[in-house]
Amino acid sequence: MAHAPDDLSADALEFLTERHLATLSLVGVDGSLHVTPVGFTWDNATQTARVITFAQAKKVRLIESAGTLVAALSQVDGGRWFTLHGAATVTADPGINADAERRYSQRYRPPGDRGADRRTIEVDVTRIVGRA
């Protein structure tokens, strides 16, 4: 079932705030698939999903080498599941990183301090499929 990212139900929004891990899937410029477990947060106001990470992570290097990559974030809980699709970019902006860390702390737990090594992957979500 498809969901409009800018018109999610209360159940969908709740599912996106519950503590669930996910996978981030990226298709590299050579066509290879990179899938890695992640935690992510959902910003309903901007329809943006964020993954905090570090500068030398493979996912960061893949996105930075392309500038932008197609990404899919998938979370599953029994029969409930969502895959969020969109373009992924990476930022080292301290303000964005601080906001992403704050949101991550609310959904999961406080992350370790990465200092200047912190990166945030932002996925501009254009499509959500699944059921919640």
N, C-alpha and C. Protein backbone atom coordinates (compact mmCIF):
# COMPACT_ATOMS: atom_id res chain seq x y z
N MET A 1 0.83 -1.17 0.00
CA MET A 1 0.00 0.00 0.00
C MET A 1 0.89 1.24 0.00
N ALA A 2 0.57 2.20 -0.85
CA ALA A 2 1.34 3.45 -0.94
C ALA A 2 0.77 4.49 0.03
N HIS A 3 1.66 5.30 0.57
CA HIS A 3 1.28 6.37 1.49
C HIS A 3 1.92 7.67 1.00
N ALA A 4 1.18 8.75 1.03
CA ALA A 4 1.74 10.06 0.68
C ALA A 4 2.56 10.55 1.87
N PRO A 5 3.84 10.85 1.67
CA PRO A 5 4.67 11.30 2.79
C PRO A 5 4.14 12.55 3.50
N ASP A 6 3.38 13.36 2.78
CA ASP A 6 2.86 14.60 3.39
C ASP A 6 1.45 14.45 3.95
N ASP A 7 0.95 13.20 4.00
CA ASP A 7 -0.41 12.96 4.50
C ASP A 7 -0.49 11.60 5.20
N LEU A 8 0.35 11.41 6.21
CA LEU A 8 0.41 10.13 6.91
C LEU A 8 -0.64 10.06 8.02
N SER A 9 -1.18 8.87 8.22
CA SER A 9 -2.16 8.66 9.28
C SER A 9 -1.49 8.70 10.64
N ALA A 10 -2.29 8.79 11.68
CA ALA A 10 -1.77 8.78 13.04
C ALA A 10 -1.03 7.47 13.31
N ASP A 11 -1.56 6.34 12.82
CA ASP A 11 -0.89 5.05 13.00
C ASP A 11 0.47 5.02 12.30
N ALA A 12 0.53 5.59 11.11
CA ALA A 12 1.79 5.63 10.36
C ALA A 12 2.82 6.48 11.10
N LEU A 13 2.39 7.64 11.58
CA LEU A 13 3.30 8.52 12.32
C LEU A 13 3.79 7.85 13.60
N GLU A 14 2.91 7.14 14.27
CA GLU A 14 3.32 6.43 15.49
C GLU A 14 4.37 5.38 15.16
N PHE A 15 4.16 4.63 14.09
CA PHE A 15 5.10 3.58 13.68
C PHE A 15 6.48 4.19 13.38
N LEU A 16 6.50 5.39 12.82
CA LEU A 16 7.77 6.04 12.48
C LEU A 16 8.47 6.66 13.68
N THR A 17 7.81 6.67 14.84
CA THR A 17 8.46 7.18 16.05
C THR A 17 8.78 6.07 17.05
N GLU A 18 8.17 4.91 16.90
CA GLU A 18 8.49 3.78 17.78
C GLU A 18 9.93 3.35 17.55
N ARG A 19 10.51 2.72 18.58
CA ARG A 19 11.91 2.29 18.48
C ARG A 19 12.01 1.01 17.64
N HIS A 20 12.38 1.19 16.38
CA HIS A 20 12.63 0.07 15.47
C HIS A 20 13.89 0.37 14.68
N LEU A 21 14.72 -0.63 14.51
CA LEU A 21 15.86 -0.47 13.62
C LEU A 21 15.39 -0.67 12.18
N ALA A 22 16.24 -0.31 11.26
CA ALA A 22 15.88 -0.36 9.85
C ALA A 22 17.09 -0.78 9.03
N THR A 23 16.90 -0.87 7.74
CA THR A 23 18.03 -1.03 6.82
C THR A 23 18.01 0.15 5.86
N LEU A 24 19.20 0.59 5.51
CA LEU A 24 19.37 1.61 4.49
C LEU A 24 19.95 0.90 3.27
N SER A 25 19.26 1.02 2.15
CA SER A 25 19.72 0.42 0.90
C SER A 25 20.07 1.52 -0.08
N LEU A 26 21.25 1.43 -0.65
CA LEU A 26 21.73 2.39 -1.64
C LEU A 26 22.18 1.65 -2.88
N VAL A 27 21.89 2.21 -4.03
CA VAL A 27 22.37 1.65 -5.30
C VAL A 27 23.54 2.52 -5.74
N GLY A 28 24.72 1.92 -5.76
CA GLY A 28 25.92 2.66 -6.13
C GLY A 28 25.94 3.02 -7.60
N VAL A 29 26.84 3.91 -7.96
CA VAL A 29 26.93 4.35 -9.35
C VAL A 29 27.29 3.20 -10.29
N ASP A 30 27.91 2.15 -9.75
CA ASP A 30 28.25 0.98 -10.56
C ASP A 30 27.12 -0.04 -10.59
N GLY A 31 25.98 0.28 -9.96
CA GLY A 31 24.82 -0.62 -9.95
C GLY A 31 24.81 -1.60 -8.79
N SER A 32 25.87 -1.61 -7.99
CA SER A 32 25.90 -2.54 -6.86
C SER A 32 24.98 -2.04 -5.74
N LEU A 33 24.50 -2.97 -4.95
CA LEU A 33 23.59 -2.65 -3.84
C LEU A 33 24.36 -2.70 -2.53
N HIS A 34 24.19 -1.66 -1.72
CA HIS A 34 24.77 -1.62 -0.38
C HIS A 34 23.62 -1.53 0.61
N VAL A 35 23.54 -2.51 1.51
CA VAL A 35 22.48 -2.54 2.52
C VAL A 35 23.14 -2.62 3.89
N THR A 36 22.72 -1.73 4.80
CA THR A 36 23.32 -1.69 6.13
C THR A 36 22.26 -1.38 7.18
N PRO A 37 22.38 -1.96 8.37
CA PRO A 37 21.42 -1.64 9.43
C PRO A 37 21.66 -0.24 9.96
N VAL A 38 20.57 0.46 10.26
CA VAL A 38 20.66 1.83 10.77
C VAL A 38 19.48 2.12 11.70
N GLY A 39 19.62 3.19 12.45
CA GLY A 39 18.50 3.83 13.11
C GLY A 39 18.22 5.09 12.30
N PHE A 40 16.97 5.49 12.21
CA PHE A 40 16.66 6.72 11.49
C PHE A 40 15.54 7.46 12.21
N THR A 41 15.42 8.74 11.90
CA THR A 41 14.34 9.54 12.45
C THR A 41 13.54 10.15 11.31
N TRP A 42 12.29 10.45 11.60
CA TRP A 42 11.38 11.00 10.62
C TRP A 42 11.01 12.42 11.01
N ASP A 43 11.17 13.35 10.07
CA ASP A 43 10.76 14.74 10.25
C ASP A 43 9.51 14.94 9.38
N ASN A 44 8.36 14.89 10.02
CA ASN A 44 7.10 14.97 9.28
C ASN A 44 6.90 16.32 8.61
N ALA A 45 7.43 17.37 9.21
CA ALA A 45 7.25 18.71 8.64
C ALA A 45 7.92 18.86 7.27
N THR A 46 9.04 18.16 7.08
CA THR A 46 9.79 18.28 5.82
C THR A 46 9.81 17.00 5.00
N GLN A 47 9.17 15.93 5.50
CA GLN A 47 9.19 14.61 4.86
C GLN A 47 10.64 14.15 4.61
N THR A 48 11.44 14.31 5.66
CA THR A 48 12.85 13.94 5.60
C THR A 48 13.16 12.87 6.64
N ALA A 49 13.85 11.83 6.22
CA ALA A 49 14.37 10.82 7.14
C ALA A 49 15.87 11.10 7.31
N ARG A 50 16.35 10.94 8.54
CA ARG A 50 17.76 11.22 8.81
C ARG A 50 18.44 10.05 9.50
N VAL A 51 19.65 9.78 9.08
CA VAL A 51 20.50 8.73 9.65
C VAL A 51 21.78 9.41 10.10
N ILE A 52 22.12 9.28 11.39
CA ILE A 52 23.40 9.83 11.84
C ILE A 52 24.48 8.76 11.66
N THR A 53 25.66 9.21 11.30
CA THR A 53 26.75 8.30 11.02
C THR A 53 28.08 9.05 11.14
N PHE A 54 29.13 8.57 10.49
CA PHE A 54 30.44 9.20 10.58
C PHE A 54 31.07 9.29 9.19
N ALA A 55 32.06 10.14 9.08
CA ALA A 55 32.62 10.52 7.79
C ALA A 55 33.12 9.35 6.94
N GLN A 56 33.74 8.35 7.55
CA GLN A 56 34.35 7.28 6.76
C GLN A 56 33.44 6.07 6.55
N ALA A 57 32.18 6.15 6.97
CA ALA A 57 31.26 5.04 6.74
C ALA A 57 31.07 4.82 5.24
N LYS A 58 30.95 3.57 4.85
CA LYS A 58 30.80 3.25 3.43
C LYS A 58 29.58 3.94 2.84
N LYS A 59 28.49 4.00 3.59
CA LYS A 59 27.28 4.65 3.07
C LYS A 59 27.53 6.12 2.77
N VAL A 60 28.31 6.78 3.61
CA VAL A 60 28.66 8.18 3.39
C VAL A 60 29.53 8.30 2.15
N ARG A 61 30.55 7.46 2.04
CA ARG A 61 31.45 7.52 0.89
C ARG A 61 30.71 7.27 -0.42
N LEU A 62 29.76 6.33 -0.41
CA LEU A 62 28.98 6.06 -1.63
C LEU A 62 28.15 7.28 -2.04
N ILE A 63 27.48 7.89 -1.08
CA ILE A 63 26.65 9.06 -1.40
C ILE A 63 27.52 10.22 -1.83
N GLU A 64 28.59 10.48 -1.10
CA GLU A 64 29.46 11.61 -1.44
C GLU A 64 30.09 11.44 -2.82
N SER A 65 30.42 10.21 -3.20
CA SER A 65 31.04 10.00 -4.52
C SER A 65 30.06 10.30 -5.65
N ALA A 66 28.77 10.15 -5.37
CA ALA A 66 27.75 10.40 -6.39
C ALA A 66 27.11 11.78 -6.25
N GLY A 67 27.22 12.38 -5.07
CA GLY A 67 26.53 13.64 -4.79
C GLY A 67 25.16 13.39 -4.20
N THR A 68 24.39 12.56 -4.87
CA THR A 68 23.06 12.14 -4.42
C THR A 68 22.85 10.72 -4.91
N LEU A 69 22.26 9.87 -4.08
CA LEU A 69 21.94 8.50 -4.48
C LEU A 69 20.50 8.19 -4.14
N VAL A 70 19.91 7.31 -4.91
CA VAL A 70 18.58 6.79 -4.58
C VAL A 70 18.73 5.90 -3.35
N ALA A 71 17.82 6.08 -2.39
CA ALA A 71 17.91 5.32 -1.14
C ALA A 71 16.55 4.76 -0.77
N ALA A 72 16.59 3.67 0.02
CA ALA A 72 15.39 3.11 0.60
C ALA A 72 15.69 2.76 2.05
N LEU A 73 14.83 3.24 2.95
CA LEU A 73 14.91 2.90 4.37
C LEU A 73 13.74 2.00 4.68
N SER A 74 14.01 0.81 5.22
CA SER A 74 12.95 -0.15 5.51
C SER A 74 12.97 -0.54 6.97
N GLN A 75 11.80 -0.48 7.61
CA GLN A 75 11.67 -0.97 8.98
C GLN A 75 10.51 -1.96 9.02
N VAL A 76 10.67 -2.99 9.86
CA VAL A 76 9.69 -4.07 9.95
C VAL A 76 9.40 -4.36 11.41
N ASP A 77 8.13 -4.59 11.71
CA ASP A 77 7.72 -5.04 13.03
C ASP A 77 6.54 -5.98 12.82
N GLY A 78 6.82 -7.27 12.77
CA GLY A 78 5.76 -8.23 12.49
C GLY A 78 5.14 -7.95 11.13
N GLY A 79 3.81 -7.78 11.11
CA GLY A 79 3.11 -7.49 9.86
C GLY A 79 3.13 -6.02 9.48
N ARG A 80 3.68 -5.18 10.33
CA ARG A 80 3.79 -3.76 10.00
C ARG A 80 5.16 -3.51 9.37
N TRP A 81 5.16 -2.76 8.29
CA TRP A 81 6.42 -2.43 7.65
C TRP A 81 6.26 -1.19 6.80
N PHE A 82 7.34 -0.48 6.64
CA PHE A 82 7.40 0.70 5.77
C PHE A 82 8.72 0.69 5.03
N THR A 83 8.70 1.11 3.78
CA THR A 83 9.92 1.45 3.05
C THR A 83 9.76 2.87 2.56
N LEU A 84 10.71 3.71 2.95
CA LEU A 84 10.72 5.11 2.58
C LEU A 84 11.72 5.28 1.45
N HIS A 85 11.26 5.84 0.33
CA HIS A 85 12.09 6.00 -0.86
C HIS A 85 12.40 7.47 -1.09
N GLY A 86 13.62 7.76 -1.54
CA GLY A 86 13.95 9.13 -1.89
C GLY A 86 15.42 9.30 -2.19
N ALA A 87 15.79 10.54 -2.45
CA ALA A 87 17.18 10.89 -2.75
C ALA A 87 17.94 11.15 -1.46
N ALA A 88 19.12 10.55 -1.34
CA ALA A 88 19.95 10.68 -0.14
C ALA A 88 21.13 11.60 -0.43
N THR A 89 21.37 12.50 0.52
CA THR A 89 22.54 13.37 0.50
C THR A 89 23.21 13.28 1.87
N VAL A 90 24.43 13.78 1.96
CA VAL A 90 25.19 13.77 3.21
C VAL A 90 25.55 15.20 3.57
N THR A 91 25.50 15.50 4.87
CA THR A 91 25.92 16.81 5.34
C THR A 91 26.78 16.68 6.59
N ALA A 92 27.68 17.65 6.74
CA ALA A 92 28.49 17.78 7.96
C ALA A 92 28.05 19.03 8.72
N ASP A 93 26.97 19.68 8.30
CA ASP A 93 26.50 20.91 8.92
C ASP A 93 26.24 20.69 10.41
N PRO A 94 26.90 21.45 11.28
CA PRO A 94 26.75 21.24 12.73
C PRO A 94 25.32 21.41 13.23
N GLY A 95 24.57 22.34 12.67
CA GLY A 95 23.18 22.54 13.09
C GLY A 95 22.29 21.36 12.73
N ILE A 96 22.45 20.86 11.51
CA ILE A 96 21.67 19.70 11.08
C ILE A 96 22.08 18.48 11.90
N ASN A 97 23.40 18.31 12.11
CA ASN A 97 23.87 17.18 12.90
C ASN A 97 23.32 17.22 14.32
N ALA A 98 23.31 18.39 14.94
CA ALA A 98 22.79 18.51 16.31
C ALA A 98 21.31 18.17 16.36
N ASP A 99 20.54 18.64 15.38
CA ASP A 99 19.11 18.31 15.34
C ASP A 99 18.91 16.82 15.12
N ALA A 100 19.70 16.23 14.23
CA ALA A 100 19.59 14.80 13.95
C ALA A 100 19.94 13.98 15.19
N GLU A 101 20.96 14.39 15.94
CA GLU A 101 21.33 13.69 17.17
C GLU A 101 20.24 13.82 18.22
N ARG A 102 19.63 14.99 18.33
CA ARG A 102 18.54 15.20 19.30
C ARG A 102 17.37 14.27 18.96
N ARG A 103 17.00 14.22 17.70
CA ARG A 103 15.88 13.36 17.28
C ARG A 103 16.22 11.87 17.50
N TYR A 104 17.46 11.51 17.20
CA TYR A 104 17.91 10.13 17.41
C TYR A 104 17.81 9.77 18.90
N SER A 105 18.23 10.70 19.76
CA SER A 105 18.16 10.47 21.22
C SER A 105 16.73 10.22 21.67
N GLN A 106 15.78 10.92 21.08
CA GLN A 106 14.37 10.74 21.45
C GLN A 106 13.84 9.39 20.99
N ARG A 107 14.23 8.94 19.82
CA ARG A 107 13.71 7.68 19.29
C ARG A 107 14.46 6.46 19.83
N TYR A 108 15.75 6.58 20.00
CA TYR A 108 16.57 5.43 20.40
C TYR A 108 17.24 5.67 21.75
N ARG A 109 18.40 6.28 21.73
CA ARG A 109 19.17 6.62 22.93
C ARG A 109 20.20 7.65 22.51
N PRO A 110 20.81 8.35 23.45
CA PRO A 110 21.82 9.34 23.06
C PRO A 110 22.97 8.67 22.32
N PRO A 111 23.35 9.23 21.17
CA PRO A 111 24.46 8.64 20.42
C PRO A 111 25.79 9.05 21.01
N GLY A 112 26.82 8.30 20.68
CA GLY A 112 28.17 8.68 21.09
C GLY A 112 28.60 9.95 20.39
N ASP A 113 29.48 10.69 21.03
CA ASP A 113 29.98 11.94 20.46
C ASP A 113 30.95 11.63 19.33
N ARG A 114 30.67 12.17 18.14
CA ARG A 114 31.57 11.99 16.99
C ARG A 114 32.30 13.29 16.66
N GLY A 115 31.95 14.38 17.33
CA GLY A 115 32.61 15.65 17.05
C GLY A 115 32.51 16.03 15.58
N ALA A 116 33.64 16.48 15.03
CA ALA A 116 33.68 16.92 13.63
C ALA A 116 33.53 15.76 12.64
N ASP A 117 33.62 14.53 13.14
CA ASP A 117 33.48 13.34 12.30
C ASP A 117 32.01 13.01 12.01
N ARG A 118 31.07 13.65 12.72
CA ARG A 118 29.64 13.36 12.55
C ARG A 118 29.18 13.74 11.14
N ARG A 119 28.39 12.88 10.56
CA ARG A 119 27.71 13.14 9.30
C ARG A 119 26.25 12.74 9.48
N THR A 120 25.39 13.41 8.73
CA THR A 120 23.98 13.05 8.71
C THR A 120 23.57 12.79 7.27
N ILE A 121 22.98 11.65 7.06
CA ILE A 121 22.39 11.33 5.76
C ILE A 121 20.95 11.79 5.81
N GLU A 122 20.58 12.60 4.84
CA GLU A 122 19.20 13.06 4.74
C GLU A 122 18.57 12.43 3.50
N VAL A 123 17.41 11.81 3.72
CA VAL A 123 16.66 11.21 2.61
C VAL A 123 15.41 12.06 2.41
N ASP A 124 15.32 12.68 1.25
CA ASP A 124 14.15 13.48 0.88
C ASP A 124 13.10 12.47 0.40
N VAL A 125 12.18 12.10 1.29
CA VAL A 125 11.25 11.01 1.02
C VAL A 125 10.14 11.47 0.07
N THR A 126 10.04 10.76 -1.05
CA THR A 126 9.01 11.07 -2.05
C THR A 126 7.94 9.99 -2.15
N ARG A 127 8.22 8.83 -1.54
CA ARG A 127 7.27 7.72 -1.61
C ARG A 127 7.45 6.81 -0.41
N ILE A 128 6.33 6.37 0.15
CA ILE A 128 6.36 5.40 1.25
C ILE A 128 5.42 4.26 0.87
N VAL A 129 5.92 3.04 0.99
CA VAL A 129 5.08 1.87 0.77
C VAL A 129 5.11 1.02 2.02
N GLY A 130 4.04 0.29 2.26
CA GLY A 130 3.98 -0.59 3.42
C GLY A 130 2.65 -0.47 4.12
N ARG A 131 2.62 -1.02 5.34
CA ARG A 131 1.40 -0.90 6.14
C ARG A 131 1.77 -0.78 7.61
N ALA A 132 1.02 0.07 8.27
CA ALA A 132 1.28 0.29 9.69
C ALA A 132 -0.01 0.17 10.47
